[in-house]
Each structure stands twice: as C-alpha cells, then as structure tokens.
Amino acid sequence: MEIKLTETEVRVLGSLVEKDITTPEYYPLSLNALVNACNQKTNRDPVMQLDEDAVREALDGLQQHRMAGPARGAESRVTKYEQRLQEVFNFTRAETAVLCVLLLRGPQTPGELRGRSERLHRFETLDDVQSALQKLMQRDPPLAKVLPRQPGTKESRYAHLLAGDVVEAEAPVHGIAAAESSPADAERMARLEQDVAELRREVSDMKDHLERFRKQFE
C-alpha cells in the first residue's frame, strides 16, 4: 500500500494517536479539540497554526487511507474523531509510540525518541527503541529510515516515511562546523540536548496536569 500523507495529515494523525494514549478520558476528539491538539506549542516541531477547514480536509485524506475517521458508536451530538493505525498496521505499543513521536516532532535520534515517548510507552533501554525502529524499517513498504549522520553528532537520526521519502544531504564540515565537531564538543552538545529534552518533558507534564485540573471545574 503506497502512502504519502500531507504535512497537515501527518500532524492530525500524530495528534490523534498521542491523545488516544495520553488522555483517553477526553478521546475521541471533537474537531475543535483536535485543532487545539494540532496547534500545541509543546511536543510539536514545527509549531503549526491550522484552522478547522485544514484539519477537516486532512481528516478526509486520512479516512481515504483508513487511518482515521469519525468515531464509531460515540454517543455525542458533536462528531468526534479517532485514529485507526492499529487496524491498518497492527503495531506493537512500542512501534506506535516511536511512530507517533516521529510524526509530531520530525527526525530524531534514538535517545531523543526514548525521552520524548515516555508518556506513550516506557522504553527500558535504547536497544528497545532501536528494535521498534527496526520493525518499522522492515515493513513493506518501510515506514521509517535512518538519515545520514550529521557532522559533530554521535547518533544518527530516524524519520518516518508516511509522507514519502526523506532526503537530507550531509552538511559540509568547514569553518565553525569543523571547530565544533570534536568528540568533546559533540559530547557536550549531546548532554545539552538531553537536558533540554528532559526540561521540555517536565514542562509538558506540568501543563497536562494543570489542564486536567482546570477541566475538573468546567
């Protein structure tokens, strides 16, 4: 099955998967809630500003691929929407978590994926992340690929292929880039990225807790 989602379809699908796992009490999502999920400023890269028409059009496209659609059996006057990845691919929980984070935040290293997927699925080791990535890469057609390693980095990044192939040229090493590509600089950069990822995760968790607390009084 050939799949080539648009950028908006990727964001809508990733948002549905994320909310299905992290906030099941508010899932499936109304169109308004889905728009808000797509436009979150946390756990999204890039941050987008989608309107209802754009999200509705993306839902139509995803429904053609059988990946999402109106929720079945939902007792509500407002139409709500759900993702159907499991029906199409029969993913493991680990594969779903990795793919979801790739959909929402673009190419990432296994270390970044492990830290950012903690609310979706806890990976005990990096090998567990690599195993999930390998399963996605071994699908027919492949759903993920490894990208060329960038100068000054220790880990390769991985990307999903639901929007088509991803081509990244290796950046030339010269000038400042060459000066920053020593092992010591690479190690410092890796530690810094890990610290930033941890801080972002903590802030995201705090916002989620506050949002749930606020909804109790609505």
C-alpha atoms as a PDB file:
ATOM      1  CA  MET A   1       0.000   0.000   0.000  1.00  0.00           C
ATOM      2  CA  GLU A   2       1.534   3.292  -1.117  1.00  0.00           C
ATOM      3  CA  ILE A   3       1.148   6.053   1.460  1.00  0.00           C
ATOM      4  CA  LYS A   4       2.085   9.698   1.054  1.00  0.00           C
ATOM      5  CA  LEU A   5       0.421  11.916   3.604  1.00  0.00           C
ATOM      6  CA  THR A   6       0.470  15.698   3.536  1.00  0.00           C
ATOM      7  CA  GLU A   7       2.168  17.691   6.295  1.00  0.00           C
ATOM      8  CA  THR A   8      -1.237  18.508   7.787  1.00  0.00           C
ATOM      9  CA  GLU A   9      -2.380  14.882   7.644  1.00  0.00           C
ATOM     10  CA  VAL A  10       0.814  13.875   9.448  1.00  0.00           C
ATOM     11  CA  ARG A  11       0.122  16.385  12.235  1.00  0.00           C
ATOM     12  CA  VAL A  12      -3.531  15.366  12.573  1.00  0.00           C
ATOM     13  CA  LEU A  13      -2.683  11.664  12.698  1.00  0.00           C
ATOM     14  CA  GLY A  14       0.106  12.149  15.228  1.00  0.00           C
ATOM     15  CA  SER A  15      -2.142  14.277  17.445  1.00  0.00           C
ATOM     16  CA  LEU A  16      -4.916  11.676  17.406  1.00  0.00           C
ATOM     17  CA  VAL A  17      -2.501   8.892  18.329  1.00  0.00           C
ATOM     18  CA  GLU A  18      -0.952  10.954  21.135  1.00  0.00           C
ATOM     19  CA  LYS A  19      -4.281  11.919  22.720  1.00  0.00           C
ATOM     20  CA  ASP A  20      -5.627   8.373  22.380  1.00  0.00           C
ATOM     21  CA  ILE A  21      -2.796   7.159  24.637  1.00  0.00           C
ATOM     22  CA  THR A  22      -2.130  10.091  26.980  1.00  0.00           C
ATOM     23  CA  THR A  23      -5.655  11.434  27.629  1.00  0.00           C
ATOM     24  CA  PRO A  24      -8.078   8.555  26.951  1.00  0.00           C
ATOM     25  CA  GLU A  25     -10.713  10.224  29.128  1.00  0.00           C
ATOM     26  CA  TYR A  26     -11.046  13.022  26.528  1.00  0.00           C
ATOM     27  CA  TYR A  27     -10.775  10.751  23.484  1.00  0.00           C
ATOM     28  CA  PRO A  28     -12.054  10.515  20.733  1.00  0.00           C
ATOM     29  CA  LEU A  29     -11.648  14.210  19.894  1.00  0.00           C
ATOM     30  CA  SER A  30     -14.095  16.791  18.639  1.00  0.00           C
ATOM     31  CA  LEU A  31     -12.947  18.889  15.693  1.00  0.00           C
ATOM     32  CA  ASN A  32     -12.200  21.827  17.992  1.00  0.00           C
ATOM     33  CA  ALA A  33     -10.191  19.676  20.407  1.00  0.00           C
ATOM     34  CA  LEU A  34      -8.267  18.168  17.510  1.00  0.00           C
ATOM     35  CA  VAL A  35      -7.408  21.610  16.126  1.00  0.00           C
ATOM     36  CA  ASN A  36      -6.067  22.586  19.556  1.00  0.00           C
ATOM     37  CA  ALA A  37      -4.049  19.365  19.754  1.00  0.00           C
ATOM     38  CA  CYS A  38      -2.518  20.005  16.326  1.00  0.00           C
ATOM     39  CA  ASN A  39      -1.582  23.579  17.263  1.00  0.00           C
ATOM     40  CA  GLN A  40       0.026  22.802  20.630  1.00  0.00           C
ATOM     41  CA  LYS A  41       3.234  24.698  21.268  1.00  0.00           C
ATOM     42  CA  THR A  42       4.716  21.819  23.284  1.00  0.00           C
ATOM     43  CA  ASN A  43       5.789  18.457  21.865  1.00  0.00           C
ATOM     44  CA  ARG A  44       5.397  19.761  18.299  1.00  0.00           C
ATOM     45  CA  ASP A  45       8.027  20.538  15.698  1.00  0.00           C
ATOM     46  CA  PRO A  46       7.277  22.659  13.817  1.00  0.00           C
ATOM     47  CA  VAL A  47       4.545  24.529  15.693  1.00  0.00           C
ATOM     48  CA  MET A  48       1.602  24.942  13.327  1.00  0.00           C
ATOM     49  CA  GLN A  49      -1.478  27.176  13.140  1.00  0.00           C
ATOM     50  CA  LEU A  50      -4.153  25.069  11.483  1.00  0.00           C
ATOM     51  CA  ASP A  51      -7.799  26.082  11.195  1.00  0.00           C
ATOM     52  CA  GLU A  52     -10.839  23.823  11.195  1.00  0.00           C
ATOM     53  CA  ASP A  53     -11.048  23.670   7.404  1.00  0.00           C
ATOM     54  CA  ALA A  54      -7.445  22.452   7.122  1.00  0.00           C
ATOM     55  CA  VAL A  55      -7.951  19.812   9.809  1.00  0.00           C
ATOM     56  CA  ARG A  56     -11.249  18.681   8.289  1.00  0.00           C
ATOM     57  CA  GLU A  57      -9.572  18.295   4.885  1.00  0.00           C
ATOM     58  CA  ALA A  58      -6.748  16.297   6.484  1.00  0.00           C
ATOM     59  CA  LEU A  59      -9.285  14.020   8.163  1.00  0.00           C
ATOM     60  CA  ASP A  60     -10.884  13.362   4.771  1.00  0.00           C
ATOM     61  CA  GLY A  61      -7.482  12.370   3.392  1.00  0.00           C
ATOM     62  CA  LEU A  62      -6.712  10.117   6.357  1.00  0.00           C
ATOM     63  CA  GLN A  63     -10.105   8.467   6.026  1.00  0.00           C
ATOM     64  CA  GLN A  64      -9.276   7.544   2.430  1.00  0.00           C
ATOM     65  CA  HIS A  65      -6.191   5.765   3.775  1.00  0.00           C
ATOM     66  CA  ARG A  66      -8.359   4.160   6.501  1.00  0.00           C
ATOM     67  CA  MET A  67      -6.090   5.711   9.161  1.00  0.00           C
ATOM     68  CA  ALA A  68      -8.660   7.953  10.850  1.00  0.00           C
ATOM     69  CA  GLY A  69     -12.315   8.927  10.728  1.00  0.00           C
ATOM     70  CA  PRO A  70     -15.448   9.678  12.733  1.00  0.00           C
ATOM     71  CA  ALA A  71     -15.579   7.664  15.951  1.00  0.00           C
ATOM     72  CA  ARG A  72     -17.729   4.576  15.770  1.00  0.00           C
ATOM     73  CA  GLY A  73     -20.519   4.245  18.285  1.00  0.00           C
ATOM     74  CA  ALA A  74     -19.742   7.556  20.008  1.00  0.00           C
ATOM     75  CA  GLU A  75     -22.831   8.851  21.827  1.00  0.00           C
ATOM     76  CA  SER A  76     -22.461  12.578  21.298  1.00  0.00           C
ATOM     77  CA  ARG A  77     -24.232  15.337  19.407  1.00  0.00           C
ATOM     78  CA  VAL A  78     -20.807  16.563  18.279  1.00  0.00           C
ATOM     79  CA  THR A  79     -18.903  14.454  15.743  1.00  0.00           C
ATOM     80  CA  LYS A  80     -15.697  13.081  17.240  1.00  0.00           C
ATOM     81  CA  TYR A  81     -12.709  11.582  15.502  1.00  0.00           C
ATOM     82  CA  GLU A  82     -10.386   8.653  16.132  1.00  0.00           C
ATOM     83  CA  GLN A  83      -7.204   7.183  14.656  1.00  0.00           C
ATOM     84  CA  ARG A  84      -7.181   3.660  13.207  1.00  0.00           C
ATOM     85  CA  LEU A  85      -3.492   2.862  12.790  1.00  0.00           C
ATOM     86  CA  GLN A  86      -3.857  -0.395  14.654  1.00  0.00           C
ATOM     87  CA  GLU A  87      -6.428  -1.653  12.167  1.00  0.00           C
ATOM     88  CA  VAL A  88      -4.146  -0.866   9.235  1.00  0.00           C
ATOM     89  CA  PHE A  89      -0.744  -1.905  10.598  1.00  0.00           C
ATOM     90  CA  ASN A  90      -1.273  -3.981  13.753  1.00  0.00           C
ATOM     91  CA  PHE A  91       1.533  -2.129  15.530  1.00  0.00           C
ATOM     92  CA  THR A  92       3.047  -3.056  18.861  1.00  0.00           C
ATOM     93  CA  ARG A  93       2.781  -0.394  21.579  1.00  0.00           C
ATOM     94  CA  ALA A  94       6.476   0.375  21.082  1.00  0.00           C
ATOM     95  CA  GLU A  95       6.090   0.883  17.328  1.00  0.00           C
ATOM     96  CA  THR A  96       3.078   3.126  17.877  1.00  0.00           C
ATOM     97  CA  ALA A  97       4.965   5.284  20.383  1.00  0.00           C
ATOM     98  CA  VAL A  98       8.022   5.724  18.175  1.00  0.00           C
ATOM     99  CA  LEU A  99       5.982   6.499  15.087  1.00  0.00           C
ATOM    100  CA  CYS A 100       3.788   8.963  16.981  1.00  0.00           C
ATOM    101  CA  VAL A 101       6.779  10.986  18.203  1.00  0.00           C
ATOM    102  CA  LEU A 102       8.304  10.965  14.717  1.00  0.00           C
ATOM    103  CA  LEU A 103       5.001  12.230  13.285  1.00  0.00           C
ATOM    104  CA  LEU A 104       4.793  15.062  15.806  1.00  0.00           C
ATOM    105  CA  ARG A 105       8.442  16.145  16.019  1.00  0.00           C
ATOM    106  CA  GLY A 106      10.205  15.067  12.829  1.00  0.00           C
ATOM    107  CA  PRO A 107      13.564  13.241  12.562  1.00  0.00           C
ATOM    108  CA  GLN A 108      15.136  12.311  15.909  1.00  0.00           C
ATOM    109  CA  THR A 109      17.856  10.178  17.438  1.00  0.00           C
ATOM    110  CA  PRO A 110      17.010   7.021  19.414  1.00  0.00           C
ATOM    111  CA  GLY A 111      17.953   8.882  22.594  1.00  0.00           C
ATOM    112  CA  GLU A 112      15.533  11.703  21.821  1.00  0.00           C
ATOM    113  CA  LEU A 113      12.800   9.227  20.928  1.00  0.00           C
ATOM    114  CA  ARG A 114      13.267   7.378  24.201  1.00  0.00           C
ATOM    115  CA  GLY A 115      12.964  10.553  26.274  1.00  0.00           C
ATOM    116  CA  ARG A 116      10.077  12.058  24.332  1.00  0.00           C
ATOM    117  CA  SER A 117       7.957   8.911  24.161  1.00  0.00           C
ATOM    118  CA  GLU A 118       7.901   8.262  27.905  1.00  0.00           C
ATOM    119  CA  ARG A 119       4.220   9.229  28.279  1.00  0.00           C
ATOM    120  CA  LEU A 120       3.309   6.962  25.362  1.00  0.00           C
ATOM    121  CA  HIS A 121       5.438   3.930  26.205  1.00  0.00           C
ATOM    122  CA  ARG A 122       8.368   3.413  28.572  1.00  0.00           C
ATOM    123  CA  PHE A 123      11.459   2.062  26.841  1.00  0.00           C
ATOM    124  CA  GLU A 124      13.821   0.484  29.331  1.00  0.00           C
ATOM    125  CA  THR A 125      16.890   0.773  27.067  1.00  0.00           C
ATOM    126  CA  LEU A 126      17.984   2.363  23.808  1.00  0.00           C
ATOM    127  CA  ASP A 127      18.100  -1.140  22.350  1.00  0.00           C
ATOM    128  CA  ASP A 128      14.334  -1.316  22.830  1.00  0.00           C
ATOM    129  CA  VAL A 129      13.951   1.898  20.820  1.00  0.00           C
ATOM    130  CA  GLN A 130      16.238   0.541  18.128  1.00  0.00           C
ATOM    131  CA  SER A 131      14.176  -2.648  17.995  1.00  0.00           C
ATOM    132  CA  ALA A 132      10.969  -0.679  17.410  1.00  0.00           C
ATOM    133  CA  LEU A 133      12.679   1.393  14.715  1.00  0.00           C
ATOM    134  CA  GLN A 134      13.947  -1.741  13.008  1.00  0.00           C
ATOM    135  CA  LYS A 135      10.442  -3.186  12.911  1.00  0.00           C
ATOM    136  CA  LEU A 136       9.153  -0.004  11.280  1.00  0.00           C
ATOM    137  CA  MET A 137      12.037  -0.060   8.777  1.00  0.00           C
ATOM    138  CA  GLN A 138      11.422  -3.710   7.894  1.00  0.00           C
ATOM    139  CA  ARG A 139       7.778  -3.176   6.970  1.00  0.00           C
ATOM    140  CA  ASP A 140       6.761  -3.452   3.321  1.00  0.00           C
ATOM    141  CA  PRO A 141       6.841  -0.681   2.331  1.00  0.00           C
ATOM    142  CA  PRO A 142       9.185   0.684   5.050  1.00  0.00           C
ATOM    143  CA  LEU A 143       7.644   3.187   7.456  1.00  0.00           C
ATOM    144  CA  ALA A 144      10.925   4.630   8.763  1.00  0.00           C
ATOM    145  CA  LYS A 145      14.526   5.133   7.681  1.00  0.00           C
ATOM    146  CA  VAL A 146      17.870   6.183   9.118  1.00  0.00           C
ATOM    147  CA  LEU A 147      19.262   9.518   7.925  1.00  0.00           C
ATOM    148  CA  PRO A 148      22.924  10.339   7.233  1.00  0.00           C
ATOM    149  CA  ARG A 149      24.765  11.219  10.417  1.00  0.00           C
ATOM    150  CA  GLN A 150      25.417  14.939  10.749  1.00  0.00           C
ATOM    151  CA  PRO A 151      28.975  16.207  11.434  1.00  0.00           C
ATOM    152  CA  GLY A 152      29.708  16.575  15.140  1.00  0.00           C
ATOM    153  CA  THR A 153      26.958  14.180  16.229  1.00  0.00           C
ATOM    154  CA  LYS A 154      27.289  10.725  17.762  1.00  0.00           C
ATOM    155  CA  GLU A 155      23.862   9.359  16.860  1.00  0.00           C
ATOM    156  CA  SER A 156      22.033   9.055  13.582  1.00  0.00           C
ATOM    157  CA  ARG A 157      18.515  10.411  13.315  1.00  0.00           C
ATOM    158  CA  TYR A 158      15.493   8.459  12.101  1.00  0.00           C
ATOM    159  CA  ALA A 159      12.489   9.713  10.140  1.00  0.00           C
ATOM    160  CA  HIS A 160       9.056   8.312   9.337  1.00  0.00           C
ATOM    161  CA  LEU A 161       8.118   7.699   5.709  1.00  0.00           C
ATOM    162  CA  LEU A 162       4.355   8.212   5.839  1.00  0.00           C
ATOM    163  CA  ALA A 163       4.798  11.488   3.953  1.00  0.00           C
ATOM    164  CA  GLY A 164       7.155   9.977   1.377  1.00  0.00           C
ATOM    165  CA  ASP A 165      10.917   9.611   1.319  1.00  0.00           C
ATOM    166  CA  VAL A 166      13.089  11.949   3.373  1.00  0.00           C
ATOM    167  CA  VAL A 167      16.319  13.151   1.789  1.00  0.00           C
ATOM    168  CA  GLU A 168      18.875  15.047   3.825  1.00  0.00           C
ATOM    169  CA  ALA A 169      22.263  15.952   2.442  1.00  0.00           C
ATOM    170  CA  GLU A 170      25.216  15.734   4.783  1.00  0.00           C
ATOM    171  CA  ALA A 171      26.340  19.192   5.827  1.00  0.00           C
ATOM    172  CA  PRO A 172      29.917  20.117   4.800  1.00  0.00           C
ATOM    173  CA  VAL A 173      32.457  20.291   7.599  1.00  0.00           C
ATOM    174  CA  HIS A 174      34.333  23.574   7.421  1.00  0.00           C
ATOM    175  CA  GLY A 175      34.815  26.787   9.368  1.00  0.00           C
ATOM    176  CA  ILE A 176      32.830  26.870  12.588  1.00  0.00           C
ATOM    177  CA  ALA A 177      31.240  23.488  11.905  1.00  0.00           C
ATOM    178  CA  ALA A 178      34.664  21.861  11.784  1.00  0.00           C
ATOM    179  CA  ALA A 179      35.691  23.531  15.023  1.00  0.00           C
ATOM    180  CA  GLU A 180      32.569  22.217  16.730  1.00  0.00           C
ATOM    181  CA  SER A 181      32.924  18.652  15.510  1.00  0.00           C
ATOM    182  CA  SER A 182      35.478  17.422  18.049  1.00  0.00           C
ATOM    183  CA  PRO A 183      34.432  14.489  20.272  1.00  0.00           C
ATOM    184  CA  ALA A 184      34.408  16.713  23.364  1.00  0.00           C
ATOM    185  CA  ASP A 185      32.112  19.268  21.717  1.00  0.00           C
ATOM    186  CA  ALA A 186      29.862  16.518  20.409  1.00  0.00           C
ATOM    187  CA  GLU A 187      29.585  15.012  23.897  1.00  0.00           C
ATOM    188  CA  ARG A 188      28.748  18.392  25.437  1.00  0.00           C
ATOM    189  CA  MET A 189      26.125  19.002  22.755  1.00  0.00           C
ATOM    190  CA  ALA A 190      24.582  15.569  23.341  1.00  0.00           C
ATOM    191  CA  ARG A 191      24.351  16.246  27.081  1.00  0.00           C
ATOM    192  CA  LEU A 192      22.816  19.653  26.447  1.00  0.00           C
ATOM    193  CA  GLU A 193      20.214  18.206  24.077  1.00  0.00           C
ATOM    194  CA  GLN A 194      19.344  15.552  26.653  1.00  0.00           C
ATOM    195  CA  ASP A 195      18.922  18.199  29.382  1.00  0.00           C
ATOM    196  CA  VAL A 196      16.704  20.323  27.140  1.00  0.00           C
ATOM    197  CA  ALA A 197      14.580  17.300  26.221  1.00  0.00           C
ATOM    198  CA  GLU A 198      14.156  16.473  29.912  1.00  0.00           C
ATOM    199  CA  LEU A 199      13.114  20.048  30.749  1.00  0.00           C
ATOM    200  CA  ARG A 200      10.634  20.108  27.891  1.00  0.00           C
ATOM    201  CA  ARG A 201       9.127  16.834  29.056  1.00  0.00           C
ATOM    202  CA  GLU A 202       8.750  18.142  32.606  1.00  0.00           C
ATOM    203  CA  VAL A 203       7.096  21.358  31.389  1.00  0.00           C
ATOM    204  CA  SER A 204       4.748  19.353  29.150  1.00  0.00           C
ATOM    205  CA  ASP A 205       3.766  17.098  32.062  1.00  0.00           C
ATOM    206  CA  MET A 206       3.068  20.141  34.257  1.00  0.00           C
ATOM    207  CA  LYS A 207       0.858  21.676  31.554  1.00  0.00           C
ATOM    208  CA  ASP A 208      -1.057  18.437  31.163  1.00  0.00           C
ATOM    209  CA  HIS A 209      -1.654  18.208  34.918  1.00  0.00           C
ATOM    210  CA  LEU A 210      -2.842  21.833  35.027  1.00  0.00           C
ATOM    211  CA  GLU A 211      -5.149  21.265  32.067  1.00  0.00           C
ATOM    212  CA  ARG A 212      -6.704  18.198  33.696  1.00  0.00           C
ATOM    213  CA  PHE A 213      -7.118  20.136  36.957  1.00  0.00           C
ATOM    214  CA  ARG A 214      -8.797  23.013  35.099  1.00  0.00           C
ATOM    215  CA  LYS A 215     -11.216  20.684  33.288  1.00  0.00           C
ATOM    216  CA  GLN A 216     -12.468  19.363  36.636  1.00  0.00           C
ATOM    217  CA  PHE A 217     -14.108  22.734  37.254  1.00  0.00           C
ATOM    218  CA  GLU A 218     -15.609  23.242  33.790  1.00  0.00           C
END
